[in-house]
C-alpha atoms as a PDB file:
ATOM      1  CA  MET A   1     -11.129 -13.862  20.066  1.00  0.00           C
ATOM      2  CA  THR A   2      -8.561 -11.174  18.581  1.00  0.00           C
ATOM      3  CA  PHE A   3     -10.458  -8.363  19.665  1.00  0.00           C
ATOM      4  CA  THR A   4     -12.839  -7.347  22.417  1.00  0.00           C
ATOM      5  CA  THR A   5     -16.330  -5.910  21.688  1.00  0.00           C
ATOM      6  CA  ASP A   6     -15.431  -2.466  23.201  1.00  0.00           C
ATOM      7  CA  GLU A   7     -11.928  -2.558  21.303  1.00  0.00           C
ATOM      8  CA  VAL A   8     -14.191  -3.200  18.131  1.00  0.00           C
ATOM      9  CA  VAL A   9     -16.091   0.243  18.905  1.00  0.00           C
ATOM     10  CA  SER A  10     -12.811   1.851  19.557  1.00  0.00           C
ATOM     11  CA  LEU A  11     -11.063   0.730  16.280  1.00  0.00           C
ATOM     12  CA  LEU A  12     -14.134   1.746  14.434  1.00  0.00           C
ATOM     13  CA  ASN A  13     -13.970   5.083  16.013  1.00  0.00           C
ATOM     14  CA  HIS A  14     -10.350   5.316  14.595  1.00  0.00           C
ATOM     15  CA  GLN A  15     -10.969   4.513  11.389  1.00  0.00           C
ATOM     16  CA  GLN A  16     -13.724   7.153  11.105  1.00  0.00           C
ATOM     17  CA  ASN A  17     -12.446  10.028  12.810  1.00  0.00           C
ATOM     18  CA  GLY A  18      -9.700  11.197  10.184  1.00  0.00           C
ATOM     19  CA  ASN A  19      -6.676  11.488  12.715  1.00  0.00           C
ATOM     20  CA  PHE A  20      -4.743   9.012  11.505  1.00  0.00           C
ATOM     21  CA  HIS A  21      -4.480   7.151   8.132  1.00  0.00           C
ATOM     22  CA  PRO A  22      -6.982   4.089   8.446  1.00  0.00           C
ATOM     23  CA  PHE A  23      -5.833   0.477   8.109  1.00  0.00           C
ATOM     24  CA  THR A  24      -6.501  -0.472   4.548  1.00  0.00           C
ATOM     25  CA  CYS A  25      -6.549  -3.795   2.492  1.00  0.00           C
ATOM     26  CA  GLY A  26      -3.122  -4.667   0.958  1.00  0.00           C
ATOM     27  CA  ASN A  27      -5.351  -5.421  -2.321  1.00  0.00           C
ATOM     28  CA  ARG A  28      -7.212  -2.170  -2.540  1.00  0.00           C
ATOM     29  CA  GLY A  29      -5.618  -0.996  -5.793  1.00  0.00           C
ATOM     30  CA  ASP A  30      -6.890  -4.053  -7.573  1.00  0.00           C
ATOM     31  CA  GLY A  31      -9.986  -2.313  -9.028  1.00  0.00           C
ATOM     32  CA  ASN A  32     -12.332  -4.287  -6.945  1.00  0.00           C
ATOM     33  CA  HIS A  33     -12.334  -2.258  -3.933  1.00  0.00           C
ATOM     34  CA  ARG A  34     -14.878   0.747  -3.177  1.00  0.00           C
ATOM     35  CA  VAL A  35     -14.588   3.658  -0.609  1.00  0.00           C
ATOM     36  CA  ILE A  36     -15.900   2.442   3.065  1.00  0.00           C
ATOM     37  CA  ILE A  37     -16.015   4.094   6.346  1.00  0.00           C
ATOM     38  CA  SER A  38     -13.143   6.692   5.456  1.00  0.00           C
ATOM     39  CA  ASP A  39     -10.843   5.354   2.520  1.00  0.00           C
ATOM     40  CA  LEU A  40     -10.579   3.094  -0.627  1.00  0.00           C
ATOM     41  CA  GLY A  41     -10.523  -0.475   0.864  1.00  0.00           C
ATOM     42  CA  ALA A  42     -10.622   0.637   4.265  1.00  0.00           C
ATOM     43  CA  LEU A  43     -10.670  -2.581   7.002  1.00  0.00           C
ATOM     44  CA  VAL A  44     -13.839  -3.208   9.177  1.00  0.00           C
ATOM     45  CA  PRO A  45     -12.976  -4.090  12.663  1.00  0.00           C
ATOM     46  CA  THR A  46     -14.485  -7.262  14.306  1.00  0.00           C
ATOM     47  CA  VAL A  47     -14.093  -9.502  17.093  1.00  0.00           C
ATOM     48  CA  LYS A  48     -12.086 -11.869  14.742  1.00  0.00           C
ATOM     49  CA  GLY A  49      -9.767  -9.007  13.736  1.00  0.00           C
ATOM     50  CA  TRP A  50      -9.631  -6.610  10.428  1.00  0.00           C
ATOM     51  CA  ILE A  51     -11.634  -7.895   7.532  1.00  0.00           C
ATOM     52  CA  CYS A  52     -11.918  -6.321   4.030  1.00  0.00           C
ATOM     53  CA  PRO A  53     -15.422  -6.674   2.710  1.00  0.00           C
ATOM     54  CA  PHE A  54     -14.283  -6.695  -0.744  1.00  0.00           C
ATOM     55  CA  CYS A  55     -11.863  -9.848  -0.425  1.00  0.00           C
ATOM     56  CA  ASP A  56     -10.220 -12.225   1.708  1.00  0.00           C
ATOM     57  CA  TYR A  57      -7.532 -10.124   3.410  1.00  0.00           C
ATOM     58  CA  THR A  58      -7.615 -10.082   7.080  1.00  0.00           C
ATOM     59  CA  GLN A  59      -5.367  -8.245   9.681  1.00  0.00           C
ATOM     60  CA  ASP A  60      -4.964  -9.293  13.445  1.00  0.00           C
ATOM     61  CA  TRP A  61      -3.188  -6.605  15.069  1.00  0.00           C
ATOM     62  CA  ALA A  62      -3.884  -2.932  15.661  1.00  0.00           C
ATOM     63  CA  HIS A  63      -1.638  -0.309  17.821  1.00  0.00           C
ATOM     64  CA  GLY A  64      -2.533  -0.579  21.597  1.00  0.00           C
ATOM     65  CA  PHE A  65      -3.594   3.294  21.750  1.00  0.00           C
ATOM     66  CA  MET A  66      -6.504   2.467  19.074  1.00  0.00           C
ATOM     67  CA  LYS A  67      -7.811  -0.455  21.098  1.00  0.00           C
ATOM     68  CA  LYS A  68      -8.860   1.972  24.162  1.00  0.00           C
ATOM     69  CA  ALA A  69     -12.058   3.958  24.411  1.00  0.00           C
ATOM     70  CA  SER A  70     -11.074   7.628  23.985  1.00  0.00           C
ATOM     71  CA  HIS A  71     -12.121   8.458  27.630  1.00  0.00           C
ATOM     72  CA  GLU A  72      -9.643   6.364  29.069  1.00  0.00           C
END
């Protein structure tokens, strides 16, 4: 497991809150990607890592501060 379920929730909050540029797919400019969550080709956090819902792009890391709940 790359991320815990609590980390997934925290990562999704960071993707949605607009305080930082979201993690996005490296292929997002290919014309096949759409705006999701907060940006064109934004990645979706899962317990298996980041996934792109439009292609097979994945990412297995995030900044440590993004994994922590906002109240920690």
